[in-house]
Amino acid sequence: MITYLLTYLIISQILMIIFLQINKDEIVEQYLNTEKRRGDEPSSFWLNFYIFVHLLKAPFLAPMIFLLILGNGGKLIK
């Protein structure tokens, strides 16, 4: 049982890293828009934290990311 769980967690992280690399510009743009709405100055620390949070969400989003990669190469649909 634990082997399946660990395998799923590893695969979900790999999928999220691929997704983040494909959509790097959109992720940074979303972060900058969020900071602009809040009125704060963007910083590299908070950008790294924003990306880290995406990595934490990977196990929950892995099925959707997998379908997105199969469907249109992993690009975000606007």
N, C-alpha and C. Protein backbone atom coordinates (compact mmCIF):
# COMPACT_ATOMS: atom_id res chain seq x y z
N MET A 1 0.82 -1.19 0.00
CA MET A 1 0.00 0.00 0.00
C MET A 1 0.86 1.26 0.00
N ILE A 2 1.89 1.28 0.85
CA ILE A 2 2.75 2.45 0.93
C ILE A 2 3.55 2.64 -0.36
N THR A 3 3.85 1.55 -1.03
CA THR A 3 4.57 1.63 -2.30
C THR A 3 3.74 2.36 -3.35
N TYR A 4 2.45 2.07 -3.40
CA TYR A 4 1.57 2.74 -4.35
C TYR A 4 1.46 4.23 -4.04
N LEU A 5 1.37 4.54 -2.76
CA LEU A 5 1.26 5.93 -2.35
C LEU A 5 2.53 6.71 -2.70
N LEU A 6 3.67 6.15 -2.40
CA LEU A 6 4.93 6.81 -2.72
C LEU A 6 5.12 6.97 -4.23
N THR A 7 4.74 5.96 -4.98
CA THR A 7 4.83 6.04 -6.44
C THR A 7 3.93 7.15 -6.97
N TYR A 8 2.71 7.24 -6.44
CA TYR A 8 1.79 8.29 -6.87
C TYR A 8 2.34 9.68 -6.53
N LEU A 9 2.90 9.83 -5.33
CA LEU A 9 3.45 11.12 -4.93
C LEU A 9 4.63 11.53 -5.81
N ILE A 10 5.47 10.59 -6.15
CA ILE A 10 6.62 10.89 -7.02
C ILE A 10 6.14 11.26 -8.42
N ILE A 11 5.21 10.50 -8.96
CA ILE A 11 4.70 10.79 -10.30
C ILE A 11 3.98 12.14 -10.31
N SER A 12 3.23 12.44 -9.26
CA SER A 12 2.52 13.73 -9.23
C SER A 12 3.50 14.90 -9.18
N GLN A 13 4.60 14.75 -8.47
CA GLN A 13 5.61 15.81 -8.43
C GLN A 13 6.29 15.99 -9.79
N ILE A 14 6.56 14.89 -10.46
CA ILE A 14 7.17 14.97 -11.80
C ILE A 14 6.21 15.66 -12.76
N LEU A 15 4.94 15.29 -12.71
CA LEU A 15 3.96 15.95 -13.58
C LEU A 15 3.86 17.44 -13.29
N MET A 16 3.89 17.82 -12.00
CA MET A 16 3.79 19.23 -11.66
C MET A 16 5.03 20.00 -12.12
N ILE A 17 6.19 19.41 -12.01
CA ILE A 17 7.41 20.08 -12.48
C ILE A 17 7.35 20.29 -13.98
N ILE A 18 6.89 19.29 -14.71
CA ILE A 18 6.73 19.44 -16.16
C ILE A 18 5.72 20.54 -16.46
N PHE A 19 4.61 20.54 -15.75
CA PHE A 19 3.57 21.56 -15.94
C PHE A 19 4.10 22.96 -15.65
N LEU A 20 4.88 23.10 -14.57
CA LEU A 20 5.44 24.40 -14.22
C LEU A 20 6.44 24.88 -15.27
N GLN A 21 7.23 23.96 -15.82
CA GLN A 21 8.18 24.35 -16.85
C GLN A 21 7.48 24.79 -18.13
N ILE A 22 6.42 24.09 -18.50
CA ILE A 22 5.68 24.45 -19.71
C ILE A 22 5.00 25.80 -19.55
N ASN A 23 4.46 26.07 -18.38
CA ASN A 23 3.66 27.27 -18.14
C ASN A 23 4.39 28.30 -17.27
N LYS A 24 5.71 28.35 -17.37
CA LYS A 24 6.50 29.24 -16.53
C LYS A 24 6.06 30.70 -16.65
N ASP A 25 5.86 31.17 -17.87
CA ASP A 25 5.48 32.57 -18.07
C ASP A 25 4.11 32.88 -17.47
N GLU A 26 3.15 31.98 -17.64
CA GLU A 26 1.82 32.21 -17.10
C GLU A 26 1.82 32.20 -15.57
N ILE A 27 2.64 31.32 -14.97
CA ILE A 27 2.72 31.24 -13.51
C ILE A 27 3.29 32.55 -12.95
N VAL A 28 4.36 33.04 -13.56
CA VAL A 28 4.95 34.30 -13.10
C VAL A 28 3.96 35.45 -13.30
N GLU A 29 3.24 35.45 -14.42
CA GLU A 29 2.26 36.50 -14.69
C GLU A 29 1.13 36.46 -13.65
N GLN A 30 0.67 35.27 -13.28
CA GLN A 30 -0.37 35.15 -12.25
C GLN A 30 0.13 35.68 -10.91
N TYR A 31 1.38 35.37 -10.58
CA TYR A 31 1.96 35.87 -9.33
C TYR A 31 2.04 37.40 -9.35
N LEU A 32 2.51 37.96 -10.45
CA LEU A 32 2.63 39.41 -10.54
C LEU A 32 1.27 40.09 -10.47
N ASN A 33 0.26 39.50 -11.09
CA ASN A 33 -1.09 40.06 -11.01
C ASN A 33 -1.63 40.02 -9.58
N THR A 34 -1.34 38.94 -8.87
CA THR A 34 -1.78 38.82 -7.48
C THR A 34 -1.13 39.89 -6.62
N GLU A 35 0.18 40.09 -6.80
CA GLU A 35 0.89 41.11 -6.03
C GLU A 35 0.40 42.51 -6.38
N LYS A 36 0.08 42.75 -7.65
CA LYS A 36 -0.40 44.06 -8.06
C LYS A 36 -1.76 44.36 -7.43
N ARG A 37 -2.64 43.34 -7.38
CA ARG A 37 -3.95 43.53 -6.77
C ARG A 37 -3.84 43.83 -5.28
N ARG A 38 -2.87 43.20 -4.63
CA ARG A 38 -2.66 43.42 -3.19
C ARG A 38 -1.95 44.74 -2.93
N GLY A 39 -1.28 45.29 -3.93
CA GLY A 39 -0.56 46.54 -3.76
C GLY A 39 0.83 46.36 -3.21
N ASP A 40 1.33 45.14 -3.20
CA ASP A 40 2.67 44.87 -2.68
C ASP A 40 3.69 44.85 -3.81
N GLU A 41 4.94 44.98 -3.40
CA GLU A 41 6.05 44.90 -4.36
C GLU A 41 6.44 43.43 -4.53
N PRO A 42 6.53 42.93 -5.77
CA PRO A 42 6.91 41.53 -5.99
C PRO A 42 8.33 41.25 -5.47
N SER A 43 8.51 40.05 -4.94
CA SER A 43 9.85 39.64 -4.49
C SER A 43 10.10 38.21 -4.91
N SER A 44 11.37 37.87 -5.02
CA SER A 44 11.72 36.52 -5.44
C SER A 44 11.35 35.49 -4.36
N PHE A 45 11.39 35.88 -3.09
CA PHE A 45 11.00 34.96 -2.02
C PHE A 45 9.55 34.52 -2.18
N TRP A 46 8.65 35.49 -2.40
CA TRP A 46 7.25 35.14 -2.51
C TRP A 46 6.94 34.42 -3.80
N LEU A 47 7.69 34.68 -4.86
CA LEU A 47 7.53 33.91 -6.10
C LEU A 47 7.92 32.46 -5.87
N ASN A 48 9.04 32.24 -5.17
CA ASN A 48 9.46 30.87 -4.85
C ASN A 48 8.43 30.18 -3.95
N PHE A 49 7.87 30.92 -3.01
CA PHE A 49 6.84 30.36 -2.14
C PHE A 49 5.59 30.00 -2.95
N TYR A 50 5.22 30.85 -3.90
CA TYR A 50 4.07 30.60 -4.78
C TYR A 50 4.28 29.31 -5.58
N ILE A 51 5.48 29.11 -6.09
CA ILE A 51 5.79 27.89 -6.84
C ILE A 51 5.81 26.68 -5.90
N PHE A 52 6.34 26.86 -4.69
CA PHE A 52 6.36 25.78 -3.70
C PHE A 52 4.95 25.32 -3.35
N VAL A 53 4.03 26.26 -3.23
CA VAL A 53 2.63 25.92 -2.95
C VAL A 53 2.05 25.10 -4.10
N HIS A 54 2.42 25.43 -5.34
CA HIS A 54 1.99 24.61 -6.47
C HIS A 54 2.51 23.18 -6.32
N LEU A 55 3.74 23.03 -5.88
CA LEU A 55 4.29 21.69 -5.68
C LEU A 55 3.57 20.94 -4.57
N LEU A 56 3.13 21.65 -3.54
CA LEU A 56 2.36 21.00 -2.48
C LEU A 56 1.00 20.52 -2.97
N LYS A 57 0.42 21.24 -3.93
CA LYS A 57 -0.89 20.87 -4.46
C LYS A 57 -0.80 19.76 -5.50
N ALA A 58 0.39 19.34 -5.87
CA ALA A 58 0.59 18.38 -6.95
C ALA A 58 -0.19 17.07 -6.77
N PRO A 59 -0.21 16.45 -5.60
CA PRO A 59 -0.95 15.18 -5.49
C PRO A 59 -2.44 15.33 -5.78
N PHE A 60 -3.01 16.49 -5.47
CA PHE A 60 -4.43 16.70 -5.70
C PHE A 60 -4.72 17.04 -7.17
N LEU A 61 -3.77 17.70 -7.82
CA LEU A 61 -3.98 18.16 -9.19
C LEU A 61 -3.41 17.23 -10.25
N ALA A 62 -2.73 16.16 -9.84
CA ALA A 62 -2.05 15.29 -10.78
C ALA A 62 -2.97 14.71 -11.87
N PRO A 63 -4.16 14.21 -11.53
CA PRO A 63 -5.01 13.68 -12.61
C PRO A 63 -5.40 14.75 -13.63
N MET A 64 -5.70 15.96 -13.15
CA MET A 64 -6.07 17.03 -14.07
C MET A 64 -4.87 17.47 -14.92
N ILE A 65 -3.69 17.54 -14.33
CA ILE A 65 -2.50 17.91 -15.09
C ILE A 65 -2.18 16.85 -16.13
N PHE A 66 -2.34 15.58 -15.76
CA PHE A 66 -2.09 14.49 -16.71
C PHE A 66 -3.02 14.62 -17.91
N LEU A 67 -4.30 14.88 -17.67
CA LEU A 67 -5.25 15.05 -18.78
C LEU A 67 -4.92 16.29 -19.61
N LEU A 68 -4.47 17.35 -18.95
CA LEU A 68 -4.10 18.57 -19.66
C LEU A 68 -2.88 18.33 -20.54
N ILE A 69 -1.92 17.58 -20.05
CA ILE A 69 -0.72 17.27 -20.85
C ILE A 69 -1.10 16.40 -22.03
N LEU A 70 -1.98 15.43 -21.81
CA LEU A 70 -2.43 14.58 -22.93
C LEU A 70 -3.24 15.36 -23.94
N GLY A 71 -4.08 16.25 -23.45
CA GLY A 71 -5.00 16.97 -24.33
C GLY A 71 -4.37 18.02 -25.20
N ASN A 72 -3.58 18.91 -24.60
CA ASN A 72 -3.02 19.99 -25.40
C ASN A 72 -1.57 20.30 -25.06
N GLY A 73 -0.82 19.34 -24.65
CA GLY A 73 0.60 19.54 -24.40
C GLY A 73 0.90 20.21 -23.08
N GLY A 74 -0.08 20.42 -22.23
CA GLY A 74 0.14 20.98 -20.91
C GLY A 74 -0.01 22.48 -20.82
N LYS A 75 -0.30 23.16 -21.92
CA LYS A 75 -0.46 24.62 -21.89
C LYS A 75 -1.77 24.96 -21.20
N LEU A 76 -1.74 26.02 -20.40
CA LEU A 76 -2.95 26.49 -19.76
C LEU A 76 -3.92 27.04 -20.80
N ILE A 77 -5.19 26.76 -20.61
CA ILE A 77 -6.22 27.25 -21.53
C ILE A 77 -6.71 28.58 -21.01
N LYS A 78 -6.68 29.58 -21.86
CA LYS A 78 -7.12 30.93 -21.42
C LYS A 78 -8.47 31.24 -21.97
